[in-house]
Amino acid sequence: MRLRKYKRNLLAATALIGWMCAETLLPAIAQAQETIQVTPGGFQNRKKVAIAELDLARGGDPQLQAEYQKTMAYDLDFSDYFEPMPNNAQMASQHAKDRQMRAIDYRAWQNLTADILVKAE
């Protein structure tokens, strides 16, 4: 008899504790799922990317080079991790030097403030 009463009290206490936990935790969980905060701006420390001109084979379509530049810049910028650098005369000159030496002068690209260099052939 005593054991039955003990089990009944234990079951009632367990049910009460379960109800109290549900009462306090469920609103917090539901609240967390309701709130989504979207902020503009992306990442603060985007890496500057220099996109070297595409080396075309003889007779290659120059339109392909322009399309390559545009697509690479768009895709990198869209990721919000990278900031494509606009091509300028210094970058074109450095690319020509690298092509002539058949090696990449990474220090020179860093001096042009590039964190990352993308080159394709």
PDB file of N, CA and C in Angstrom:
ATOM      1  N   MET A   1       0.810  -1.185   0.000  1.00  0.00           N
ATOM      2  CA  MET A   1       0.000   0.000   0.000  1.00  0.00           C
ATOM      3  C   MET A   1       0.858   1.254   0.000  1.00  0.00           C
ATOM      4  N   ARG A   2       1.850   1.246   0.861  1.00  0.00           N
ATOM      5  CA  ARG A   2       2.745   2.395   0.938  1.00  0.00           C
ATOM      6  C   ARG A   2       3.522   2.591  -0.366  1.00  0.00           C
ATOM      7  N   LEU A   3       3.913   1.462  -0.979  1.00  0.00           N
ATOM      8  CA  LEU A   3       4.683   1.517  -2.217  1.00  0.00           C
ATOM      9  C   LEU A   3       3.833   2.113  -3.345  1.00  0.00           C
ATOM     10  N   ARG A   4       2.564   1.760  -3.409  1.00  0.00           N
ATOM     11  CA  ARG A   4       1.672   2.325  -4.421  1.00  0.00           C
ATOM     12  C   ARG A   4       1.512   3.822  -4.251  1.00  0.00           C
ATOM     13  N   LYS A   5       1.346   4.249  -3.033  1.00  0.00           N
ATOM     14  CA  LYS A   5       1.199   5.684  -2.756  1.00  0.00           C
ATOM     15  C   LYS A   5       2.479   6.428  -3.137  1.00  0.00           C
ATOM     16  N   TYR A   6       3.631   5.821  -2.848  1.00  0.00           N
ATOM     17  CA  TYR A   6       4.924   6.424  -3.186  1.00  0.00           C
ATOM     18  C   TYR A   6       5.058   6.553  -4.701  1.00  0.00           C
ATOM     19  N   LYS A   7       4.690   5.476  -5.433  1.00  0.00           N
ATOM     20  CA  LYS A   7       4.779   5.501  -6.894  1.00  0.00           C
ATOM     21  C   LYS A   7       3.843   6.557  -7.480  1.00  0.00           C
ATOM     22  N   ARG A   8       2.633   6.645  -6.920  1.00  0.00           N
ATOM     23  CA  ARG A   8       1.662   7.628  -7.395  1.00  0.00           C
ATOM     24  C   ARG A   8       2.171   9.044  -7.167  1.00  0.00           C
ATOM     25  N   ASN A   9       2.747   9.302  -5.996  1.00  0.00           N
ATOM     26  CA  ASN A   9       3.297  10.629  -5.695  1.00  0.00           C
ATOM     27  C   ASN A   9       4.491  10.948  -6.593  1.00  0.00           C
ATOM     28  N   LEU A  10       5.326   9.937  -6.827  1.00  0.00           N
ATOM     29  CA  LEU A  10       6.488  10.122  -7.698  1.00  0.00           C
ATOM     30  C   LEU A  10       6.033  10.434  -9.125  1.00  0.00           C
ATOM     31  N   LEU A  11       5.035   9.718  -9.597  1.00  0.00           N
ATOM     32  CA  LEU A  11       4.497   9.962 -10.936  1.00  0.00           C
ATOM     33  C   LEU A  11       3.881  11.357 -11.034  1.00  0.00           C
ATOM     34  N   ALA A  12       3.160  11.756 -10.010  1.00  0.00           N
ATOM     35  CA  ALA A  12       2.552  13.089  -9.995  1.00  0.00           C
ATOM     36  C   ALA A  12       3.624  14.171  -9.977  1.00  0.00           C
ATOM     37  N   ALA A  13       4.670  13.963  -9.186  1.00  0.00           N
ATOM     38  CA  ALA A  13       5.766  14.940  -9.118  1.00  0.00           C
ATOM     39  C   ALA A  13       6.479  15.033 -10.459  1.00  0.00           C
ATOM     40  N   THR A  14       6.712  13.889 -11.109  1.00  0.00           N
ATOM     41  CA  THR A  14       7.369  13.873 -12.418  1.00  0.00           C
ATOM     42  C   THR A  14       6.509  14.603 -13.450  1.00  0.00           C
ATOM     43  N   ALA A  15       5.217  14.351 -13.421  1.00  0.00           N
ATOM     44  CA  ALA A  15       4.312  15.026 -14.353  1.00  0.00           C
ATOM     45  C   ALA A  15       4.302  16.529 -14.112  1.00  0.00           C
ATOM     46  N   LEU A  16       4.309  16.927 -12.841  1.00  0.00           N
ATOM     47  CA  LEU A  16       4.316  18.350 -12.501  1.00  0.00           C
ATOM     48  C   LEU A  16       5.602  19.020 -12.978  1.00  0.00           C
ATOM     49  N   ILE A  17       6.740  18.359 -12.749  1.00  0.00           N
ATOM     50  CA  ILE A  17       8.032  18.917 -13.195  1.00  0.00           C
ATOM     51  C   ILE A  17       8.056  19.005 -14.722  1.00  0.00           C
ATOM     52  N   GLY A  18       7.575  17.963 -15.397  1.00  0.00           N
ATOM     53  CA  GLY A  18       7.522  17.981 -16.861  1.00  0.00           C
ATOM     54  C   GLY A  18       6.656  19.110 -17.382  1.00  0.00           C
ATOM     55  N   TRP A  19       5.488  19.311 -16.755  1.00  0.00           N
ATOM     56  CA  TRP A  19       4.597  20.394 -17.161  1.00  0.00           C
ATOM     57  C   TRP A  19       5.249  21.752 -16.941  1.00  0.00           C
ATOM     58  N   MET A  20       5.954  21.911 -15.785  1.00  0.00           N
ATOM     59  CA  MET A  20       6.621  23.189 -15.491  1.00  0.00           C
ATOM     60  C   MET A  20       7.731  23.462 -16.499  1.00  0.00           C
ATOM     61  N   CYS A  21       8.492  22.428 -16.855  1.00  0.00           N
ATOM     62  CA  CYS A  21       9.559  22.608 -17.852  1.00  0.00           C
ATOM     63  C   CYS A  21       8.964  23.007 -19.200  1.00  0.00           C
ATOM     64  N   ALA A  22       7.897  22.307 -19.591  1.00  0.00           N
ATOM     65  CA  ALA A  22       7.255  22.628 -20.866  1.00  0.00           C
ATOM     66  C   ALA A  22       6.697  24.044 -20.848  1.00  0.00           C
ATOM     67  N   GLU A  23       6.123  24.423 -19.732  1.00  0.00           N
ATOM     68  CA  GLU A  23       5.532  25.756 -19.585  1.00  0.00           C
ATOM     69  C   GLU A  23       6.583  26.855 -19.721  1.00  0.00           C
ATOM     70  N   THR A  24       7.782  26.611 -19.221  1.00  0.00           N
ATOM     71  CA  THR A  24       8.816  27.655 -19.255  1.00  0.00           C
ATOM     72  C   THR A  24       9.690  27.574 -20.496  1.00  0.00           C
ATOM     73  N   LEU A  25       9.972  26.369 -21.008  1.00  0.00           N
ATOM     74  CA  LEU A  25      10.900  26.237 -22.130  1.00  0.00           C
ATOM     75  C   LEU A  25      10.244  26.412 -23.497  1.00  0.00           C
ATOM     76  N   LEU A  26       9.034  25.927 -23.673  1.00  0.00           N
ATOM     77  CA  LEU A  26       8.408  25.997 -24.996  1.00  0.00           C
ATOM     78  C   LEU A  26       8.228  27.420 -25.516  1.00  0.00           C
ATOM     79  N   PRO A  27       7.779  28.369 -24.705  1.00  0.00           N
ATOM     80  CA  PRO A  27       7.688  29.740 -25.233  1.00  0.00           C
ATOM     81  C   PRO A  27       9.048  30.296 -25.654  1.00  0.00           C
ATOM     82  N   ALA A  28      10.095  29.940 -24.918  1.00  0.00           N
ATOM     83  CA  ALA A  28      11.435  30.423 -25.279  1.00  0.00           C
ATOM     84  C   ALA A  28      11.882  29.825 -26.602  1.00  0.00           C
ATOM     85  N   ILE A  29      11.609  28.541 -26.805  1.00  0.00           N
ATOM     86  CA  ILE A  29      11.979  27.896 -28.062  1.00  0.00           C
ATOM     87  C   ILE A  29      11.163  28.487 -29.213  1.00  0.00           C
ATOM     88  N   ALA A  30       9.879  28.644 -29.000  1.00  0.00           N
ATOM     89  CA  ALA A  30       9.020  29.217 -30.040  1.00  0.00           C
ATOM     90  C   ALA A  30       9.447  30.636 -30.379  1.00  0.00           C
ATOM     91  N   GLN A  31       9.815  31.411 -29.389  1.00  0.00           N
ATOM     92  CA  GLN A  31      10.267  32.788 -29.600  1.00  0.00           C
ATOM     93  C   GLN A  31      11.540  32.796 -30.436  1.00  0.00           C
ATOM     94  N   ALA A  32      12.466  31.893 -30.142  1.00  0.00           N
ATOM     95  CA  ALA A  32      13.731  31.850 -30.865  1.00  0.00           C
ATOM     96  C   ALA A  32      13.501  31.518 -32.331  1.00  0.00           C
ATOM     97  N   GLN A  33      12.514  30.709 -32.627  1.00  0.00           N
ATOM     98  CA  GLN A  33      12.249  30.336 -34.004  1.00  0.00           C
ATOM     99  C   GLN A  33      11.497  31.421 -34.766  1.00  0.00           C
ATOM    100  N   GLU A  34      10.843  32.304 -34.092  1.00  0.00           N
ATOM    101  CA  GLU A  34      10.086  33.367 -34.745  1.00  0.00           C
ATOM    102  C   GLU A  34      10.969  34.485 -35.264  1.00  0.00           C
ATOM    103  N   THR A  35      12.059  34.783 -34.592  1.00  0.00           N
ATOM    104  CA  THR A  35      12.848  35.966 -34.883  1.00  0.00           C
ATOM    105  C   THR A  35      14.018  35.630 -35.808  1.00  0.00           C
ATOM    106  N   ILE A  36      14.028  36.258 -36.978  1.00  0.00           N
ATOM    107  CA  ILE A  36      15.153  36.163 -37.903  1.00  0.00           C
ATOM    108  C   ILE A  36      15.546  37.588 -38.245  1.00  0.00           C
ATOM    109  N   GLN A  37      16.802  37.910 -38.010  1.00  0.00           N
ATOM    110  CA  GLN A  37      17.260  39.270 -38.278  1.00  0.00           C
ATOM    111  C   GLN A  37      18.173  39.255 -39.498  1.00  0.00           C
ATOM    112  N   VAL A  38      17.795  40.004 -40.511  1.00  0.00           N
ATOM    113  CA  VAL A  38      18.578  40.118 -41.732  1.00  0.00           C
ATOM    114  C   VAL A  38      19.183  41.509 -41.764  1.00  0.00           C
ATOM    115  N   THR A  39      20.505  41.556 -41.903  1.00  0.00           N
ATOM    116  CA  THR A  39      21.175  42.856 -41.934  1.00  0.00           C
ATOM    117  C   THR A  39      21.954  43.000 -43.237  1.00  0.00           C
ATOM    118  N   PRO A  40      21.978  44.170 -43.821  1.00  0.00           N
ATOM    119  CA  PRO A  40      22.743  44.387 -45.046  1.00  0.00           C
ATOM    120  C   PRO A  40      24.221  44.579 -44.738  1.00  0.00           C
ATOM    121  N   GLY A  41      25.029  44.449 -45.767  1.00  0.00           N
ATOM    122  CA  GLY A  41      26.430  44.827 -45.601  1.00  0.00           C
ATOM    123  C   GLY A  41      27.414  43.699 -45.763  1.00  0.00           C
ATOM    124  N   GLY A  42      27.027  42.466 -45.518  1.00  0.00           N
ATOM    125  CA  GLY A  42      27.952  41.356 -45.691  1.00  0.00           C
ATOM    126  C   GLY A  42      29.093  41.393 -44.697  1.00  0.00           C
ATOM    127  N   PHE A  43      30.222  40.866 -45.118  1.00  0.00           N
ATOM    128  CA  PHE A  43      31.376  40.745 -44.243  1.00  0.00           C
ATOM    129  C   PHE A  43      32.178  42.039 -44.215  1.00  0.00           C
ATOM    130  N   GLN A  44      32.754  42.338 -43.078  1.00  0.00           N
ATOM    131  CA  GLN A  44      33.510  43.580 -42.917  1.00  0.00           C
ATOM    132  C   GLN A  44      34.885  43.501 -43.575  1.00  0.00           C
ATOM    133  N   ASN A  45      35.535  42.359 -43.499  1.00  0.00           N
ATOM    134  CA  ASN A  45      36.907  42.229 -44.002  1.00  0.00           C
ATOM    135  C   ASN A  45      36.938  41.409 -45.284  1.00  0.00           C
ATOM    136  N   ARG A  46      36.340  41.949 -46.323  1.00  0.00           N
ATOM    137  CA  ARG A  46      36.354  41.252 -47.605  1.00  0.00           C
ATOM    138  C   ARG A  46      37.756  41.288 -48.185  1.00  0.00           C
ATOM    139  N   LYS A  47      38.181  40.189 -48.782  1.00  0.00           N
ATOM    140  CA  LYS A  47      39.509  40.087 -49.393  1.00  0.00           C
ATOM    141  C   LYS A  47      39.480  40.710 -50.784  1.00  0.00           C
ATOM    142  N   LYS A  48      40.484  41.561 -51.049  1.00  0.00           N
ATOM    143  CA  LYS A  48      40.593  42.181 -52.372  1.00  0.00           C
ATOM    144  C   LYS A  48      41.166  41.157 -53.351  1.00  0.00           C
ATOM    145  N   VAL A  49      40.473  40.986 -54.471  1.00  0.00           N
ATOM    146  CA  VAL A  49      40.872  39.994 -55.466  1.00  0.00           C
ATOM    147  C   VAL A  49      41.217  40.689 -56.774  1.00  0.00           C
ATOM    148  N   ALA A  50      42.440  40.436 -57.246  1.00  0.00           N
ATOM    149  CA  ALA A  50      42.845  40.909 -58.570  1.00  0.00           C
ATOM    150  C   ALA A  50      42.529  39.790 -59.558  1.00  0.00           C
ATOM    151  N   ILE A  51      41.810  40.121 -60.609  1.00  0.00           N
ATOM    152  CA  ILE A  51      41.476  39.138 -61.638  1.00  0.00           C
ATOM    153  C   ILE A  51      42.300  39.490 -62.866  1.00  0.00           C
ATOM    154  N   ALA A  52      43.343  38.691 -63.107  1.00  0.00           N
ATOM    155  CA  ALA A  52      44.230  38.958 -64.242  1.00  0.00           C
ATOM    156  C   ALA A  52      43.490  38.651 -65.543  1.00  0.00           C
ATOM    157  N   GLU A  53      43.916  39.309 -66.607  1.00  0.00           N
ATOM    158  CA  GLU A  53      43.295  39.088 -67.911  1.00  0.00           C
ATOM    159  C   GLU A  53      43.449  37.630 -68.319  1.00  0.00           C
ATOM    160  N   LEU A  54      42.444  37.119 -69.001  1.00  0.00           N
ATOM    161  CA  LEU A  54      42.473  35.751 -69.498  1.00  0.00           C
ATOM    162  C   LEU A  54      43.426  35.679 -70.685  1.00  0.00           C
ATOM    163  N   ASP A  55      44.383  34.762 -70.621  1.00  0.00           N
ATOM    164  CA  ASP A  55      45.304  34.575 -71.745  1.00  0.00           C
ATOM    165  C   ASP A  55      44.590  33.779 -72.833  1.00  0.00           C
ATOM    166  N   LEU A  56      44.356  34.430 -73.954  1.00  0.00           N
ATOM    167  CA  LEU A  56      43.659  33.779 -75.060  1.00  0.00           C
ATOM    168  C   LEU A  56      44.653  33.111 -75.994  1.00  0.00           C
ATOM    169  N   ALA A  57      44.264  31.970 -76.527  1.00  0.00           N
ATOM    170  CA  ALA A  57      45.072  31.330 -77.560  1.00  0.00           C
ATOM    171  C   ALA A  57      44.948  32.165 -78.829  1.00  0.00           C
ATOM    172  N   ARG A  58      45.890  31.992 -79.733  1.00  0.00           N
ATOM    173  CA  ARG A  58      45.813  32.742 -80.998  1.00  0.00           C
ATOM    174  C   ARG A  58      44.489  32.444 -81.690  1.00  0.00           C
ATOM    175  N   GLY A  59      43.867  33.507 -82.147  1.00  0.00           N
ATOM    176  CA  GLY A  59      42.583  33.360 -82.811  1.00  0.00           C
ATOM    177  C   GLY A  59      41.422  33.222 -81.834  1.00  0.00           C
ATOM    178  N   GLY A  60      41.708  33.394 -80.540  1.00  0.00           N
ATOM    179  CA  GLY A  60      40.652  33.293 -79.532  1.00  0.00           C
ATOM    180  C   GLY A  60      39.698  34.474 -79.603  1.00  0.00           C
ATOM    181  N   ASP A  61      38.522  34.278 -79.144  1.00  0.00           N
ATOM    182  CA  ASP A  61      37.480  35.303 -79.181  1.00  0.00           C
ATOM    183  C   ASP A  61      37.705  36.316 -78.058  1.00  0.00           C
ATOM    184  N   PRO A  62      37.984  37.598 -78.399  1.00  0.00           N
ATOM    185  CA  PRO A  62      38.198  38.606 -77.360  1.00  0.00           C
ATOM    186  C   PRO A  62      36.963  38.820 -76.475  1.00  0.00           C
ATOM    187  N   GLN A  63      35.787  38.495 -77.022  1.00  0.00           N
ATOM    188  CA  GLN A  63      34.561  38.613 -76.229  1.00  0.00           C
ATOM    189  C   GLN A  63      34.608  37.654 -75.034  1.00  0.00           C
ATOM    190  N   LEU A  64      35.282  36.524 -75.221  1.00  0.00           N
ATOM    191  CA  LEU A  64      35.421  35.540 -74.146  1.00  0.00           C
ATOM    192  C   LEU A  64      36.177  36.136 -72.963  1.00  0.00           C
ATOM    193  N   GLN A  65      37.203  36.922 -73.261  1.00  0.00           N
ATOM    194  CA  GLN A  65      37.988  37.559 -72.197  1.00  0.00           C
ATOM    195  C   GLN A  65      37.115  38.516 -71.377  1.00  0.00           C
ATOM    196  N   ALA A  66      36.327  39.321 -72.049  1.00  0.00           N
ATOM    197  CA  ALA A  66      35.451  40.271 -71.354  1.00  0.00           C
ATOM    198  C   ALA A  66      34.399  39.532 -70.530  1.00  0.00           C
ATOM    199  N   GLU A  67      33.854  38.464 -71.099  1.00  0.00           N
ATOM    200  CA  GLU A  67      32.841  37.675 -70.394  1.00  0.00           C
ATOM    201  C   GLU A  67      33.441  36.993 -69.159  1.00  0.00           C
ATOM    202  N   TYR A  68      34.665  36.509 -69.292  1.00  0.00           N
ATOM    203  CA  TYR A  68      35.374  35.878 -68.164  1.00  0.00           C
ATOM    204  C   TYR A  68      35.551  36.879 -67.020  1.00  0.00           C
ATOM    205  N   GLN A  69      36.062  38.067 -67.353  1.00  0.00           N
ATOM    206  CA  GLN A  69      36.280  39.107 -66.334  1.00  0.00           C
ATOM    207  C   GLN A  69      34.975  39.445 -65.609  1.00  0.00           C
ATOM    208  N   LYS A  70      33.935  39.656 -66.391  1.00  0.00           N
ATOM    209  CA  LYS A  70      32.647  40.064 -65.842  1.00  0.00           C
ATOM    210  C   LYS A  70      32.066  38.965 -64.937  1.00  0.00           C
ATOM    211  N   THR A  71      32.118  37.726 -65.395  1.00  0.00           N
ATOM    212  CA  THR A  71      31.561  36.609 -64.629  1.00  0.00           C
ATOM    213  C   THR A  71      32.336  36.376 -63.342  1.00  0.00           C
ATOM    214  N   MET A  72      33.658  36.368 -63.427  1.00  0.00           N
ATOM    215  CA  MET A  72      34.483  36.158 -62.226  1.00  0.00           C
ATOM    216  C   MET A  72      34.230  37.260 -61.201  1.00  0.00           C
ATOM    217  N   ALA A  73      34.228  38.502 -61.658  1.00  0.00           N
ATOM    218  CA  ALA A  73      34.017  39.627 -60.738  1.00  0.00           C
ATOM    219  C   ALA A  73      32.642  39.536 -60.082  1.00  0.00           C
ATOM    220  N   TYR A  74      31.627  39.217 -60.869  1.00  0.00           N
ATOM    221  CA  TYR A  74      30.269  39.128 -60.320  1.00  0.00           C
ATOM    222  C   TYR A  74      30.169  38.010 -59.285  1.00  0.00           C
ATOM    223  N   ASP A  75      30.677  36.832 -59.629  1.00  0.00           N
ATOM    224  CA  ASP A  75      30.578  35.686 -58.717  1.00  0.00           C
ATOM    225  C   ASP A  75      31.333  35.930 -57.415  1.00  0.00           C
ATOM    226  N   LEU A  76      32.518  36.493 -57.506  1.00  0.00           N
ATOM    227  CA  LEU A  76      33.302  36.762 -56.295  1.00  0.00           C
ATOM    228  C   LEU A  76      32.628  37.827 -55.435  1.00  0.00           C
ATOM    229  N   ASP A  77      32.130  38.862 -56.067  1.00  0.00           N
ATOM    230  CA  ASP A  77      31.455  39.927 -55.325  1.00  0.00           C
ATOM    231  C   ASP A  77      30.168  39.415 -54.680  1.00  0.00           C
ATOM    232  N   PHE A  78      29.441  38.581 -55.388  1.00  0.00           N
ATOM    233  CA  PHE A  78      28.169  38.056 -54.893  1.00  0.00           C
ATOM    234  C   PHE A  78      28.350  37.231 -53.620  1.00  0.00           C
ATOM    235  N   SER A  79      29.509  36.589 -53.472  1.00  0.00           N
ATOM    236  CA  SER A  79      29.747  35.753 -52.291  1.00  0.00           C
ATOM    237  C   SER A  79      29.842  36.573 -51.009  1.00  0.00           C
ATOM    238  N   ASP A  80      30.134  37.853 -51.125  1.00  0.00           N
ATOM    239  CA  ASP A  80      30.337  38.757 -49.985  1.00  0.00           C
ATOM    240  C   ASP A  80      31.616  38.469 -49.207  1.00  0.00           C
ATOM    241  N   TYR A  81      32.414  37.524 -49.664  1.00  0.00           N
ATOM    242  CA  TYR A  81      33.704  37.255 -49.031  1.00  0.00           C
ATOM    243  C   TYR A  81      34.817  38.041 -49.727  1.00  0.00           C
ATOM    244  N   PHE A  82      34.595  38.364 -50.996  1.00  0.00           N
ATOM    245  CA  PHE A  82      35.646  38.952 -51.815  1.00  0.00           C
ATOM    246  C   PHE A  82      35.204  40.279 -52.419  1.00  0.00           C
ATOM    247  N   GLU A  83      36.197  41.143 -52.659  1.00  0.00           N
ATOM    248  CA  GLU A  83      35.955  42.424 -53.321  1.00  0.00           C
ATOM    249  C   GLU A  83      36.831  42.480 -54.567  1.00  0.00           C
ATOM    250  N   PRO A  84      36.253  42.244 -55.747  1.00  0.00           N
ATOM    251  CA  PRO A  84      37.048  42.285 -56.971  1.00  0.00           C
ATOM    252  C   PRO A  84      37.609  43.686 -57.211  1.00  0.00           C
ATOM    253  N   MET A  85      38.879  43.735 -57.561  1.00  0.00           N
ATOM    254  CA  MET A  85      39.525  45.018 -57.841  1.00  0.00           C
ATOM    255  C   MET A  85      39.274  45.383 -59.304  1.00  0.00           C
ATOM    256  N   PRO A  86      38.980  46.642 -59.579  1.00  0.00           N
ATOM    257  CA  PRO A  86      38.821  47.041 -60.984  1.00  0.00           C
ATOM    258  C   PRO A  86      40.175  46.956 -61.699  1.00  0.00           C
ATOM    259  N   ASN A  87      40.137  46.441 -62.924  1.00  0.00           N
ATOM    260  CA  ASN A  87      41.383  46.340 -63.689  1.00  0.00           C
ATOM    261  C   ASN A  87      41.887  47.729 -64.046  1.00  0.00           C
ATOM    262  N   ASN A  88      43.193  47.886 -63.984  1.00  0.00           N
ATOM    263  CA  ASN A  88      43.807  49.159 -64.351  1.00  0.00           C
ATOM    264  C   ASN A  88      45.099  48.881 -65.112  1.00  0.00           C
ATOM    265  N   ALA A  89      45.776  49.929 -65.531  1.00  0.00           N
ATOM    266  CA  ALA A  89      46.996  49.790 -66.333  1.00  0.00           C
ATOM    267  C   ALA A  89      48.098  49.070 -65.559  1.00  0.00           C
ATOM    268  N   GLN A  90      48.194  49.320 -64.256  1.00  0.00           N
ATOM    269  CA  GLN A  90      49.231  48.659 -63.446  1.00  0.00           C
ATOM    270  C   GLN A  90      49.009  47.149 -63.387  1.00  0.00           C
ATOM    271  N   MET A  91      47.755  46.746 -63.255  1.00  0.00           N
ATOM    272  CA  MET A  91      47.461  45.314 -63.223  1.00  0.00           C
ATOM    273  C   MET A  91      47.760  44.667 -64.574  1.00  0.00           C
ATOM    274  N   ALA A  92      47.394  45.336 -65.657  1.00  0.00           N
ATOM    275  CA  ALA A  92      47.670  44.807 -66.997  1.00  0.00           C
ATOM    276  C   ALA A  92      49.167  44.698 -67.229  1.00  0.00           C
ATOM    277  N   SER A  93      49.916  45.705 -66.769  1.00  0.00           N
ATOM    278  CA  SER A  93      51.372  45.687 -66.911  1.00  0.00           C
ATOM    279  C   SER A  93      51.987  44.537 -66.113  1.00  0.00           C
ATOM    280  N   GLN A  94      51.510  44.334 -64.895  1.00  0.00           N
ATOM    281  CA  GLN A  94      52.051  43.255 -64.065  1.00  0.00           C
ATOM    282  C   GLN A  94      51.718  41.894 -64.661  1.00  0.00           C
ATOM    283  N   HIS A  95      50.541  41.771 -65.212  1.00  0.00           N
ATOM    284  CA  HIS A  95      50.152  40.510 -65.851  1.00  0.00           C
ATOM    285  C   HIS A  95      51.070  40.223 -67.041  1.00  0.00           C
ATOM    286  N   ALA A  96      51.370  41.264 -67.822  1.00  0.00           N
ATOM    287  CA  ALA A  96      52.269  41.099 -68.973  1.00  0.00           C
ATOM    288  C   ALA A  96      53.670  40.690 -68.509  1.00  0.00           C
ATOM    289  N   LYS A  97      54.159  41.297 -67.420  1.00  0.00           N
ATOM    290  CA  LYS A  97      55.480  40.930 -66.879  1.00  0.00           C
ATOM    291  C   LYS A  97      55.489  39.470 -66.419  1.00  0.00           C
ATOM    292  N   ASP A  98      54.442  39.066 -65.717  1.00  0.00           N
ATOM    293  CA  ASP A  98      54.357  37.677 -65.255  1.00  0.00           C
ATOM    294  C   ASP A  98      54.354  36.707 -66.436  1.00  0.00           C
ATOM    295  N   ARG A  99      53.605  37.063 -67.472  1.00  0.00           N
ATOM    296  CA  ARG A  99      53.526  36.203 -68.651  1.00  0.00           C
ATOM    297  C   ARG A  99      54.892  36.095 -69.324  1.00  0.00           C
ATOM    298  N   GLN A 100      55.606  37.224 -69.399  1.00  0.00           N
ATOM    299  CA  GLN A 100      56.923  37.235 -70.031  1.00  0.00           C
ATOM    300  C   GLN A 100      57.922  36.398 -69.224  1.00  0.00           C
ATOM    301  N   MET A 101      57.873  36.513 -67.890  1.00  0.00           N
ATOM    302  CA  MET A 101      58.794  35.757 -67.028  1.00  0.00           C
ATOM    303  C   MET A 101      58.339  34.307 -66.837  1.00  0.00           C
ATOM    304  N   ARG A 102      57.087  34.005 -67.229  1.00  0.00           N
ATOM    305  CA  ARG A 102      56.479  32.694 -67.015  1.00  0.00           C
ATOM    306  C   ARG A 102      56.489  32.305 -65.536  1.00  0.00           C
ATOM    307  N   ALA A 103      56.296  33.322 -64.690  1.00  0.00           N
ATOM    308  CA  ALA A 103      56.223  33.143 -63.234  1.00  0.00           C
ATOM    309  C   ALA A 103      55.391  34.282 -62.660  1.00  0.00           C
ATOM    310  N   ILE A 104      54.807  34.040 -61.516  1.00  0.00           N
ATOM    311  CA  ILE A 104      53.982  35.066 -60.870  1.00  0.00           C
ATOM    312  C   ILE A 104      54.802  35.768 -59.804  1.00  0.00           C
ATOM    313  N   ASP A 105      54.851  37.091 -59.893  1.00  0.00           N
ATOM    314  CA  ASP A 105      55.537  37.904 -58.877  1.00  0.00           C
ATOM    315  C   ASP A 105      54.495  38.304 -57.828  1.00  0.00           C
ATOM    316  N   TYR A 106      54.362  37.470 -56.814  1.00  0.00           N
ATOM    317  CA  TYR A 106      53.320  37.694 -55.805  1.00  0.00           C
ATOM    318  C   TYR A 106      53.522  38.995 -55.040  1.00  0.00           C
ATOM    319  N   ARG A 107      54.753  39.353 -54.801  1.00  0.00           N
ATOM    320  CA  ARG A 107      55.042  40.596 -54.078  1.00  0.00           C
ATOM    321  C   ARG A 107      54.518  41.804 -54.864  1.00  0.00           C
ATOM    322  N   ALA A 108      54.705  41.784 -56.176  1.00  0.00           N
ATOM    323  CA  ALA A 108      54.220  42.894 -57.010  1.00  0.00           C
ATOM    324  C   ALA A 108      52.694  42.994 -56.943  1.00  0.00           C
ATOM    325  N   TRP A 109      52.019  41.857 -56.941  1.00  0.00           N
ATOM    326  CA  TRP A 109      50.558  41.886 -56.835  1.00  0.00           C
ATOM    327  C   TRP A 109      50.121  42.385 -55.462  1.00  0.00           C
ATOM    328  N   GLN A 110      50.859  42.028 -54.428  1.00  0.00           N
ATOM    329  CA  GLN A 110      50.553  42.543 -53.091  1.00  0.00           C
ATOM    330  C   GLN A 110      50.751  44.051 -53.042  1.00  0.00           C
ATOM    331  N   ASN A 111      51.767  44.538 -53.739  1.00  0.00           N
ATOM    332  CA  ASN A 111      52.001  45.987 -53.788  1.00  0.00           C
ATOM    333  C   ASN A 111      50.854  46.722 -54.491  1.00  0.00           C
ATOM    334  N   LEU A 112      50.129  46.003 -55.325  1.00  0.00           N
ATOM    335  CA  LEU A 112      48.944  46.586 -55.970  1.00  0.00           C
ATOM    336  C   LEU A 112      47.714  46.454 -55.062  1.00  0.00           C
ATOM    337  N   THR A 113      47.926  46.044 -53.830  1.00  0.00           N
ATOM    338  CA  THR A 113      46.928  45.868 -52.750  1.00  0.00           C
ATOM    339  C   THR A 113      46.010  44.660 -52.953  1.00  0.00           C
ATOM    340  N   ALA A 114      46.441  43.692 -53.743  1.00  0.00           N
ATOM    341  CA  ALA A 114      45.642  42.477 -53.934  1.00  0.00           C
ATOM    342  C   ALA A 114      45.954  41.480 -52.820  1.00  0.00           C
ATOM    343  N   ASP A 115      44.902  40.964 -52.190  1.00  0.00           N
ATOM    344  CA  ASP A 115      45.066  39.892 -51.208  1.00  0.00           C
ATOM    345  C   ASP A 115      45.106  38.537 -51.900  1.00  0.00           C
ATOM    346  N   ILE A 116      44.361  38.444 -53.004  1.00  0.00           N
ATOM    347  CA  ILE A 116      44.237  37.191 -53.748  1.00  0.00           C
ATOM    348  C   ILE A 116      44.366  37.509 -55.234  1.00  0.00           C
ATOM    349  N   LEU A 117      44.979  36.586 -55.971  1.00  0.00           N
ATOM    350  CA  LEU A 117      45.129  36.743 -57.416  1.00  0.00           C
ATOM    351  C   LEU A 117      44.445  35.572 -58.111  1.00  0.00           C
ATOM    352  N   VAL A 118      43.608  35.882 -59.099  1.00  0.00           N
ATOM    353  CA  VAL A 118      42.969  34.850 -59.915  1.00  0.00           C
ATOM    354  C   VAL A 118      43.544  34.974 -61.311  1.00  0.00           C
ATOM    355  N   LYS A 119      44.129  33.861 -61.806  1.00  0.00           N
ATOM    356  CA  LYS A 119      44.689  33.827 -63.160  1.00  0.00           C
ATOM    357  C   LYS A 119      44.181  32.584 -63.862  1.00  0.00           C
ATOM    358  N   ALA A 120      43.949  32.702 -65.140  1.00  0.00           N
ATOM    359  CA  ALA A 120      43.512  31.552 -65.931  1.00  0.00           C
ATOM    360  C   ALA A 120      44.179  31.609 -67.295  1.00  0.00           C
ATOM    361  N   GLU A 121      44.317  30.456 -67.893  1.00  0.00           N
ATOM    362  CA  GLU A 121      44.900  30.373 -69.238  1.00  0.00           C
ATOM    363  C   GLU A 121      43.947  29.667 -70.155  1.00  0.00           C
TER     364      GLU A 121
END
